[in-house]
Amino acid sequence: MRFKNGFTLIELLVTLALVGIIAGFAIPSFAQLIANNRMSSTSNVFIGALNYARTEAVKRGRTVEITAISSAGSANEWGGGWRVWVDQGSNGYDAGEEIRVYSDVSDKMTIDGPDALTTFGFRANGFVDPLPGGGAEYSFQLCDDRTGETGRIIRIHTSGRVRSDTITCG
């Protein structure tokens, strides 16, 4: 009696065709998953930096500033990264005063602050300094290169409380 080992060419081609069809459905979903994770990660890092600055201000008993490092455009003031720092000499930022520096975000992401705001801080009592003009909070919109998909809006109340909600980006 003779046994056959292995696959025939037709069995191999059918298997490869099925794998190709399944991959065709999985790859777009995987790209969506990556984009959603990028949005969530960037939002969490930004919120973490805000909470860190507020905590440091209360702990140190003095104002701790957050400044956009380099504006990536008028609709992306905070996309170039930001620094958390304490003004040692009451003369604005000087090299060496930073507590923590956060690098720029992905090219596919934007962080748009309110009306070209690039610096604000938290006072020793945890409140925002300067207080938002014309409202009770600062709002930062995080969007990516997808149209009509959900982004995040991060709101900082004058009391220093930070919260995040989902929004639809244009």
N, C-alpha and C. Protein backbone atom coordinates (compact mmCIF):
# COMPACT_ATOMS: atom_id res chain seq x y z
N MET A 1 0.83 -1.16 0.00
CA MET A 1 0.00 0.00 0.00
C MET A 1 0.89 1.24 0.00
N ARG A 2 0.52 2.21 -0.78
CA ARG A 2 1.33 3.40 -0.96
C ARG A 2 0.62 4.61 -0.36
N PHE A 3 1.32 5.39 0.55
CA PHE A 3 0.75 6.57 1.17
C PHE A 3 1.30 7.82 0.51
N LYS A 4 0.44 8.82 0.40
CA LYS A 4 0.86 10.09 -0.17
C LYS A 4 1.11 11.08 0.97
N ASN A 5 2.21 11.78 0.94
CA ASN A 5 2.55 12.79 1.93
C ASN A 5 2.56 14.16 1.26
N GLY A 6 2.06 15.19 2.00
CA GLY A 6 2.11 16.55 1.48
C GLY A 6 0.78 17.02 0.92
N PHE A 7 0.85 18.19 0.24
CA PHE A 7 -0.33 18.83 -0.32
C PHE A 7 -0.23 18.81 -1.84
N THR A 8 -1.38 18.82 -2.46
CA THR A 8 -1.38 18.98 -3.91
C THR A 8 -1.34 20.48 -4.20
N LEU A 9 -1.01 20.82 -5.40
CA LEU A 9 -0.93 22.22 -5.81
C LEU A 9 -2.29 22.90 -5.70
N ILE A 10 -3.35 22.22 -6.02
CA ILE A 10 -4.70 22.80 -5.93
C ILE A 10 -5.07 23.07 -4.48
N GLU A 11 -4.75 22.16 -3.56
CA GLU A 11 -5.03 22.39 -2.14
C GLU A 11 -4.26 23.61 -1.62
N LEU A 12 -3.03 23.75 -2.04
CA LEU A 12 -2.21 24.88 -1.62
C LEU A 12 -2.78 26.20 -2.15
N LEU A 13 -3.20 26.23 -3.41
CA LEU A 13 -3.75 27.45 -4.00
C LEU A 13 -5.08 27.84 -3.35
N VAL A 14 -5.93 26.87 -3.03
CA VAL A 14 -7.20 27.16 -2.37
C VAL A 14 -6.94 27.73 -0.97
N THR A 15 -6.01 27.15 -0.25
CA THR A 15 -5.67 27.65 1.08
C THR A 15 -5.14 29.07 1.02
N LEU A 16 -4.24 29.35 0.07
CA LEU A 16 -3.70 30.71 -0.07
C LEU A 16 -4.78 31.71 -0.46
N ALA A 17 -5.72 31.30 -1.28
CA ALA A 17 -6.83 32.18 -1.67
C ALA A 17 -7.70 32.50 -0.46
N LEU A 18 -7.99 31.52 0.37
CA LEU A 18 -8.78 31.76 1.58
C LEU A 18 -8.05 32.69 2.56
N VAL A 19 -6.77 32.50 2.72
CA VAL A 19 -5.98 33.37 3.60
C VAL A 19 -6.00 34.80 3.06
N GLY A 20 -5.89 34.97 1.75
CA GLY A 20 -5.94 36.29 1.14
C GLY A 20 -7.28 36.99 1.35
N ILE A 21 -8.35 36.25 1.23
CA ILE A 21 -9.69 36.82 1.43
C ILE A 21 -9.87 37.26 2.88
N ILE A 22 -9.47 36.41 3.81
CA ILE A 22 -9.60 36.76 5.24
C ILE A 22 -8.72 37.96 5.58
N ALA A 23 -7.52 38.02 5.04
CA ALA A 23 -6.63 39.16 5.29
C ALA A 23 -7.22 40.44 4.71
N GLY A 24 -7.91 40.34 3.59
CA GLY A 24 -8.55 41.51 2.98
C GLY A 24 -9.61 42.13 3.88
N PHE A 25 -10.26 41.31 4.69
CA PHE A 25 -11.24 41.84 5.65
C PHE A 25 -10.56 42.34 6.92
N ALA A 26 -9.49 41.71 7.33
CA ALA A 26 -8.85 42.02 8.61
C ALA A 26 -7.99 43.28 8.55
N ILE A 27 -7.31 43.55 7.45
CA ILE A 27 -6.37 44.67 7.39
C ILE A 27 -7.04 46.02 7.58
N PRO A 28 -8.17 46.34 6.95
CA PRO A 28 -8.81 47.64 7.23
C PRO A 28 -9.24 47.78 8.69
N SER A 29 -9.73 46.72 9.29
CA SER A 29 -10.11 46.78 10.70
C SER A 29 -8.89 47.01 11.58
N PHE A 30 -7.78 46.43 11.22
CA PHE A 30 -6.54 46.60 11.99
C PHE A 30 -6.04 48.04 11.88
N ALA A 31 -6.16 48.65 10.71
CA ALA A 31 -5.75 50.05 10.53
C ALA A 31 -6.63 50.97 11.39
N GLN A 32 -7.90 50.68 11.46
CA GLN A 32 -8.83 51.44 12.30
C GLN A 32 -8.45 51.29 13.78
N LEU A 33 -8.10 50.08 14.18
CA LEU A 33 -7.69 49.82 15.55
C LEU A 33 -6.44 50.61 15.91
N ILE A 34 -5.48 50.65 15.01
CA ILE A 34 -4.24 51.40 15.25
C ILE A 34 -4.55 52.90 15.38
N ALA A 35 -5.40 53.44 14.52
CA ALA A 35 -5.76 54.86 14.59
C ALA A 35 -6.49 55.18 15.90
N ASN A 36 -7.39 54.32 16.33
CA ASN A 36 -8.10 54.53 17.59
C ASN A 36 -7.14 54.48 18.78
N ASN A 37 -6.19 53.55 18.75
CA ASN A 37 -5.21 53.46 19.83
C ASN A 37 -4.29 54.66 19.86
N ARG A 38 -3.93 55.18 18.68
CA ARG A 38 -3.09 56.39 18.61
C ARG A 38 -3.82 57.57 19.23
N MET A 39 -5.11 57.71 18.93
CA MET A 39 -5.92 58.79 19.49
C MET A 39 -6.00 58.66 21.01
N SER A 40 -6.29 57.47 21.48
CA SER A 40 -6.42 57.24 22.92
C SER A 40 -5.11 57.48 23.64
N SER A 41 -4.02 57.01 23.07
CA SER A 41 -2.70 57.17 23.68
C SER A 41 -2.30 58.64 23.78
N THR A 42 -2.49 59.39 22.69
CA THR A 42 -2.14 60.81 22.70
C THR A 42 -2.98 61.57 23.71
N SER A 43 -4.26 61.27 23.76
CA SER A 43 -5.16 61.89 24.73
C SER A 43 -4.71 61.59 26.16
N ASN A 44 -4.37 60.36 26.44
CA ASN A 44 -3.94 59.97 27.79
C ASN A 44 -2.63 60.63 28.18
N VAL A 45 -1.70 60.76 27.24
CA VAL A 45 -0.43 61.42 27.54
C VAL A 45 -0.66 62.89 27.85
N PHE A 46 -1.51 63.57 27.07
CA PHE A 46 -1.78 64.98 27.30
C PHE A 46 -2.49 65.19 28.64
N ILE A 47 -3.49 64.38 28.93
CA ILE A 47 -4.19 64.47 30.22
C ILE A 47 -3.24 64.17 31.37
N GLY A 48 -2.38 63.19 31.19
CA GLY A 48 -1.38 62.87 32.21
C GLY A 48 -0.45 64.03 32.49
N ALA A 49 -0.04 64.74 31.43
CA ALA A 49 0.84 65.90 31.60
C ALA A 49 0.13 67.02 32.36
N LEU A 50 -1.14 67.24 32.05
CA LEU A 50 -1.91 68.26 32.75
C LEU A 50 -2.07 67.92 34.22
N ASN A 51 -2.42 66.69 34.51
CA ASN A 51 -2.57 66.27 35.91
C ASN A 51 -1.24 66.31 36.65
N TYR A 52 -0.16 65.96 35.95
CA TYR A 52 1.17 66.01 36.55
C TYR A 52 1.52 67.46 36.92
N ALA A 53 1.27 68.40 36.02
CA ALA A 53 1.58 69.80 36.28
C ALA A 53 0.76 70.32 37.47
N ARG A 54 -0.49 69.96 37.52
CA ARG A 54 -1.34 70.40 38.63
C ARG A 54 -0.84 69.83 39.95
N THR A 55 -0.51 68.56 39.96
CA THR A 55 0.01 67.92 41.17
C THR A 55 1.31 68.56 41.63
N GLU A 56 2.20 68.83 40.68
CA GLU A 56 3.47 69.48 41.02
C GLU A 56 3.25 70.87 41.59
N ALA A 57 2.28 71.60 41.05
CA ALA A 57 2.00 72.96 41.56
C ALA A 57 1.54 72.89 43.02
N VAL A 58 0.66 71.96 43.33
CA VAL A 58 0.17 71.83 44.70
C VAL A 58 1.31 71.36 45.60
N LYS A 59 2.08 70.39 45.14
CA LYS A 59 3.17 69.84 45.94
C LYS A 59 4.25 70.89 46.22
N ARG A 60 4.60 71.69 45.23
CA ARG A 60 5.65 72.69 45.38
C ARG A 60 5.16 73.99 46.02
N GLY A 61 3.86 74.19 46.02
CA GLY A 61 3.30 75.41 46.59
C GLY A 61 3.57 76.64 45.74
N ARG A 62 3.69 76.45 44.43
CA ARG A 62 3.92 77.56 43.50
C ARG A 62 3.39 77.19 42.12
N THR A 63 3.29 78.18 41.26
CA THR A 63 2.74 77.96 39.92
C THR A 63 3.67 77.10 39.08
N VAL A 64 3.08 76.13 38.41
CA VAL A 64 3.80 75.29 37.45
C VAL A 64 3.19 75.55 36.09
N GLU A 65 4.03 75.87 35.11
CA GLU A 65 3.59 76.25 33.77
C GLU A 65 3.62 75.06 32.81
N ILE A 66 2.77 75.14 31.81
CA ILE A 66 2.80 74.22 30.67
C ILE A 66 2.89 75.08 29.43
N THR A 67 3.87 74.80 28.58
CA THR A 67 4.11 75.61 27.38
C THR A 67 4.26 74.71 26.17
N ALA A 68 3.62 75.09 25.07
CA ALA A 68 3.82 74.39 23.80
C ALA A 68 5.25 74.65 23.36
N ILE A 69 5.98 73.61 22.99
CA ILE A 69 7.39 73.77 22.62
C ILE A 69 7.52 74.50 21.30
N SER A 70 6.85 74.00 20.29
CA SER A 70 6.89 74.68 19.00
C SER A 70 5.55 74.45 18.32
N SER A 71 4.91 75.52 17.98
CA SER A 71 3.61 75.42 17.34
C SER A 71 3.76 74.74 15.99
N ALA A 72 2.91 73.77 15.76
CA ALA A 72 2.93 73.07 14.47
C ALA A 72 1.90 73.67 13.52
N GLY A 73 1.46 74.88 13.79
CA GLY A 73 0.47 75.54 12.95
C GLY A 73 -0.66 76.09 13.80
N SER A 74 -1.45 76.98 13.22
CA SER A 74 -2.50 77.64 13.98
C SER A 74 -3.59 76.69 14.46
N ALA A 75 -3.76 75.58 13.80
CA ALA A 75 -4.76 74.60 14.24
C ALA A 75 -4.10 73.43 14.95
N ASN A 76 -2.82 73.57 15.28
CA ASN A 76 -2.07 72.50 15.92
C ASN A 76 -1.00 73.08 16.83
N GLU A 77 -1.39 74.02 17.69
CA GLU A 77 -0.41 74.72 18.52
C GLU A 77 0.39 73.78 19.42
N TRP A 78 -0.23 72.72 19.88
CA TRP A 78 0.42 71.83 20.84
C TRP A 78 0.96 70.55 20.20
N GLY A 79 0.86 70.43 18.88
CA GLY A 79 1.32 69.22 18.18
C GLY A 79 2.82 69.05 18.17
N GLY A 80 3.57 70.13 18.42
CA GLY A 80 5.03 70.05 18.44
C GLY A 80 5.59 69.61 19.78
N GLY A 81 4.74 69.26 20.72
CA GLY A 81 5.18 68.84 22.04
C GLY A 81 4.98 69.95 23.06
N TRP A 82 5.25 69.67 24.32
CA TRP A 82 5.06 70.66 25.38
C TRP A 82 6.00 70.34 26.53
N ARG A 83 6.22 71.35 27.36
CA ARG A 83 7.07 71.18 28.53
C ARG A 83 6.32 71.63 29.77
N VAL A 84 6.60 70.98 30.88
CA VAL A 84 6.10 71.36 32.20
C VAL A 84 7.30 71.94 32.93
N TRP A 85 7.16 73.16 33.46
CA TRP A 85 8.32 73.84 34.05
C TRP A 85 7.90 74.79 35.18
N VAL A 86 8.89 75.16 35.99
CA VAL A 86 8.69 76.11 37.08
C VAL A 86 9.61 77.29 36.83
N ASP A 87 9.04 78.50 36.88
CA ASP A 87 9.82 79.72 36.66
C ASP A 87 10.60 80.04 37.93
N GLN A 88 11.92 79.87 37.89
CA GLN A 88 12.76 80.09 39.05
C GLN A 88 13.04 81.57 39.31
N GLY A 89 13.11 82.38 38.24
CA GLY A 89 13.51 83.77 38.41
C GLY A 89 12.43 84.78 38.08
N SER A 90 11.22 84.37 37.91
CA SER A 90 10.09 85.26 37.57
C SER A 90 10.34 86.06 36.30
N ASN A 91 11.07 85.48 35.37
CA ASN A 91 11.36 86.17 34.11
C ASN A 91 10.98 85.35 32.89
N GLY A 92 10.10 84.39 33.06
CA GLY A 92 9.74 83.53 31.94
C GLY A 92 10.63 82.31 31.87
N TYR A 93 10.45 81.54 30.84
CA TYR A 93 11.18 80.27 30.72
C TYR A 93 12.66 80.50 30.45
N ASP A 94 13.49 79.78 31.19
CA ASP A 94 14.93 79.72 30.96
C ASP A 94 15.32 78.24 30.86
N ALA A 95 16.35 77.96 30.11
CA ALA A 95 16.82 76.58 29.97
C ALA A 95 17.11 76.00 31.35
N GLY A 96 16.75 74.78 31.56
CA GLY A 96 17.00 74.10 32.82
C GLY A 96 15.85 74.19 33.81
N GLU A 97 14.79 74.92 33.50
CA GLU A 97 13.67 75.05 34.42
C GLU A 97 12.59 73.99 34.19
N GLU A 98 12.77 73.16 33.17
CA GLU A 98 11.73 72.17 32.89
C GLU A 98 11.78 71.03 33.88
N ILE A 99 10.59 70.57 34.22
CA ILE A 99 10.44 69.40 35.09
C ILE A 99 10.31 68.16 34.21
N ARG A 100 9.55 68.29 33.15
CA ARG A 100 9.33 67.18 32.22
C ARG A 100 9.04 67.75 30.84
N VAL A 101 9.55 67.08 29.81
CA VAL A 101 9.34 67.50 28.42
C VAL A 101 8.65 66.36 27.68
N TYR A 102 7.62 66.71 26.90
CA TYR A 102 6.87 65.73 26.12
C TYR A 102 7.13 66.00 24.65
N SER A 103 7.46 64.95 23.92
CA SER A 103 7.81 65.12 22.51
C SER A 103 6.57 65.36 21.67
N ASP A 104 6.81 65.70 20.41
CA ASP A 104 5.70 66.00 19.49
C ASP A 104 4.84 64.76 19.25
N VAL A 105 3.63 65.01 18.80
CA VAL A 105 2.69 63.93 18.53
C VAL A 105 2.86 63.46 17.08
N SER A 106 2.20 62.40 16.75
CA SER A 106 2.25 61.83 15.40
C SER A 106 1.85 62.88 14.35
N ASP A 107 2.42 62.76 13.16
CA ASP A 107 2.07 63.67 12.06
C ASP A 107 0.59 63.56 11.70
N LYS A 108 -0.04 62.47 12.06
CA LYS A 108 -1.44 62.27 11.73
C LYS A 108 -2.37 62.88 12.78
N MET A 109 -1.81 63.41 13.87
CA MET A 109 -2.60 63.96 14.97
C MET A 109 -2.40 65.47 15.07
N THR A 110 -3.45 66.17 15.54
CA THR A 110 -3.34 67.59 15.84
C THR A 110 -3.92 67.83 17.23
N ILE A 111 -3.32 68.79 17.94
CA ILE A 111 -3.85 69.23 19.23
C ILE A 111 -4.04 70.73 19.11
N ASP A 112 -5.29 71.14 19.03
CA ASP A 112 -5.64 72.54 18.82
C ASP A 112 -6.11 73.14 20.14
N GLY A 113 -5.37 74.12 20.61
CA GLY A 113 -5.73 74.80 21.86
C GLY A 113 -6.63 75.99 21.59
N PRO A 114 -7.12 76.62 22.64
CA PRO A 114 -8.03 77.76 22.47
C PRO A 114 -7.31 79.03 22.05
N ASP A 115 -7.75 79.63 20.95
CA ASP A 115 -7.29 80.96 20.50
C ASP A 115 -5.79 81.16 20.63
N ALA A 116 -5.02 80.28 20.04
CA ALA A 116 -3.56 80.39 20.00
C ALA A 116 -2.92 80.40 21.38
N LEU A 117 -3.54 79.80 22.37
CA LEU A 117 -2.97 79.68 23.70
C LEU A 117 -1.79 78.72 23.65
N THR A 118 -0.62 79.17 24.07
CA THR A 118 0.56 78.31 24.07
C THR A 118 1.21 78.20 25.44
N THR A 119 0.72 78.93 26.43
CA THR A 119 1.24 78.83 27.80
C THR A 119 0.13 79.08 28.80
N PHE A 120 0.07 78.23 29.79
CA PHE A 120 -0.79 78.46 30.95
C PHE A 120 -0.21 77.62 32.08
N GLY A 121 -0.75 77.77 33.26
CA GLY A 121 -0.20 77.04 34.38
C GLY A 121 -1.25 76.67 35.40
N PHE A 122 -0.78 76.04 36.44
CA PHE A 122 -1.62 75.71 37.58
C PHE A 122 -1.01 76.39 38.79
N ARG A 123 -1.85 77.06 39.57
CA ARG A 123 -1.40 77.75 40.79
C ARG A 123 -1.17 76.73 41.91
N ALA A 124 -0.66 77.20 43.01
CA ALA A 124 -0.39 76.35 44.16
C ALA A 124 -1.65 75.71 44.72
N ASN A 125 -2.82 76.34 44.48
CA ASN A 125 -4.08 75.76 44.96
C ASN A 125 -4.71 74.83 43.92
N GLY A 126 -4.05 74.61 42.77
CA GLY A 126 -4.54 73.70 41.74
C GLY A 126 -5.41 74.36 40.69
N PHE A 127 -5.71 75.66 40.86
CA PHE A 127 -6.53 76.37 39.88
C PHE A 127 -5.70 76.77 38.67
N VAL A 128 -6.38 77.00 37.55
CA VAL A 128 -5.71 77.38 36.30
C VAL A 128 -5.27 78.84 36.37
N ASP A 129 -4.11 79.13 35.83
CA ASP A 129 -3.57 80.48 35.78
C ASP A 129 -2.98 80.73 34.40
N PRO A 130 -3.40 81.70 33.63
CA PRO A 130 -4.47 82.64 33.92
C PRO A 130 -5.83 81.98 33.69
N LEU A 131 -6.82 82.55 34.33
CA LEU A 131 -8.17 82.02 34.18
C LEU A 131 -8.64 82.19 32.74
N PRO A 132 -9.38 81.22 32.21
CA PRO A 132 -9.88 81.34 30.84
C PRO A 132 -10.79 82.56 30.70
N GLY A 133 -10.51 83.38 29.71
CA GLY A 133 -11.35 84.54 29.46
C GLY A 133 -12.61 84.14 28.72
N GLY A 134 -13.74 84.68 29.14
CA GLY A 134 -15.00 84.43 28.44
C GLY A 134 -15.59 83.06 28.65
N GLY A 135 -15.06 82.29 29.56
CA GLY A 135 -15.62 80.97 29.82
C GLY A 135 -15.05 80.40 31.10
N ALA A 136 -15.48 79.23 31.43
CA ALA A 136 -15.04 78.61 32.67
C ALA A 136 -13.99 77.54 32.44
N GLU A 137 -13.54 77.37 31.19
CA GLU A 137 -12.59 76.30 30.93
C GLU A 137 -11.79 76.54 29.65
N TYR A 138 -10.64 75.87 29.58
CA TYR A 138 -9.87 75.78 28.33
C TYR A 138 -10.27 74.48 27.66
N SER A 139 -10.33 74.49 26.33
CA SER A 139 -10.66 73.28 25.58
C SER A 139 -9.58 73.00 24.55
N PHE A 140 -9.12 71.78 24.49
CA PHE A 140 -8.13 71.33 23.52
C PHE A 140 -8.76 70.21 22.70
N GLN A 141 -8.71 70.35 21.37
CA GLN A 141 -9.27 69.33 20.49
C GLN A 141 -8.16 68.47 19.90
N LEU A 142 -8.29 67.17 20.05
CA LEU A 142 -7.38 66.21 19.46
C LEU A 142 -8.08 65.55 18.30
N CYS A 143 -7.53 65.69 17.11
CA CYS A 143 -8.10 65.06 15.92
C CYS A 143 -6.99 64.39 15.14
N ASP A 144 -7.37 63.47 14.28
CA ASP A 144 -6.38 62.85 13.41
C ASP A 144 -6.77 63.07 11.96
N ASP A 145 -6.13 62.36 11.04
CA ASP A 145 -6.33 62.61 9.62
C ASP A 145 -7.59 61.95 9.06
N ARG A 146 -8.37 61.29 9.88
CA ARG A 146 -9.63 60.70 9.43
C ARG A 146 -10.71 61.78 9.41
N THR A 147 -11.61 61.72 8.47
CA THR A 147 -12.69 62.70 8.40
C THR A 147 -13.96 62.08 8.98
N GLY A 148 -14.65 62.86 9.80
CA GLY A 148 -15.91 62.40 10.35
C GLY A 148 -15.77 61.36 11.43
N GLU A 149 -14.56 61.04 11.81
CA GLU A 149 -14.37 60.06 12.87
C GLU A 149 -14.32 60.78 14.22
N THR A 150 -14.38 60.04 15.26
CA THR A 150 -14.37 60.67 16.58
C THR A 150 -12.97 61.05 17.00
N GLY A 151 -12.88 62.21 17.62
CA GLY A 151 -11.66 62.68 18.23
C GLY A 151 -11.91 62.85 19.72
N ARG A 152 -11.08 63.64 20.36
CA ARG A 152 -11.24 63.90 21.79
C ARG A 152 -11.22 65.40 22.03
N ILE A 153 -11.96 65.84 23.01
CA ILE A 153 -11.87 67.21 23.49
C ILE A 153 -11.50 67.12 24.97
N ILE A 154 -10.43 67.80 25.32
CA ILE A 154 -9.96 67.81 26.70
C ILE A 154 -10.27 69.18 27.27
N ARG A 155 -11.02 69.18 28.36
CA ARG A 155 -11.44 70.43 28.98
C ARG A 155 -10.76 70.59 30.33
N ILE A 156 -10.25 71.80 30.57
CA ILE A 156 -9.62 72.11 31.85
C ILE A 156 -10.44 73.22 32.49
N HIS A 157 -11.14 72.91 33.54
CA HIS A 157 -11.98 73.87 34.25
C HIS A 157 -11.09 74.81 35.05
N THR A 158 -11.60 76.00 35.37
CA THR A 158 -10.82 76.96 36.16
C THR A 158 -10.35 76.37 37.48
N SER A 159 -11.09 75.41 38.00
CA SER A 159 -10.70 74.75 39.25
C SER A 159 -9.53 73.79 39.05
N GLY A 160 -9.14 73.55 37.80
CA GLY A 160 -8.04 72.65 37.50
C GLY A 160 -8.47 71.24 37.16
N ARG A 161 -9.75 70.95 37.27
CA ARG A 161 -10.24 69.61 36.93
C ARG A 161 -10.11 69.38 35.44
N VAL A 162 -9.59 68.23 35.06
CA VAL A 162 -9.40 67.88 33.65
C VAL A 162 -10.36 66.75 33.31
N ARG A 163 -11.06 66.90 32.17
CA ARG A 163 -11.95 65.83 31.72
C ARG A 163 -11.86 65.71 30.20
N SER A 164 -12.25 64.57 29.71
CA SER A 164 -12.16 64.28 28.29
C SER A 164 -13.49 63.72 27.79
N ASP A 165 -13.87 64.16 26.58
CA ASP A 165 -15.06 63.64 25.92
C ASP A 165 -14.73 63.35 24.47
N THR A 166 -15.56 62.55 23.83
CA THR A 166 -15.36 62.29 22.41
C THR A 166 -16.10 63.36 21.59
N ILE A 167 -15.53 63.70 20.44
CA ILE A 167 -16.14 64.67 19.52
C ILE A 167 -16.00 64.12 18.10
N THR A 168 -16.73 64.71 17.18
CA THR A 168 -16.57 64.38 15.77
C THR A 168 -15.72 65.47 15.13
N CYS A 169 -14.61 65.08 14.59
CA CYS A 169 -13.70 66.02 13.95
C CYS A 169 -14.17 66.28 12.52
N GLY A 170 -13.85 67.47 12.03
CA GLY A 170 -14.28 67.86 10.68
C GLY A 170 -13.40 67.37 9.69
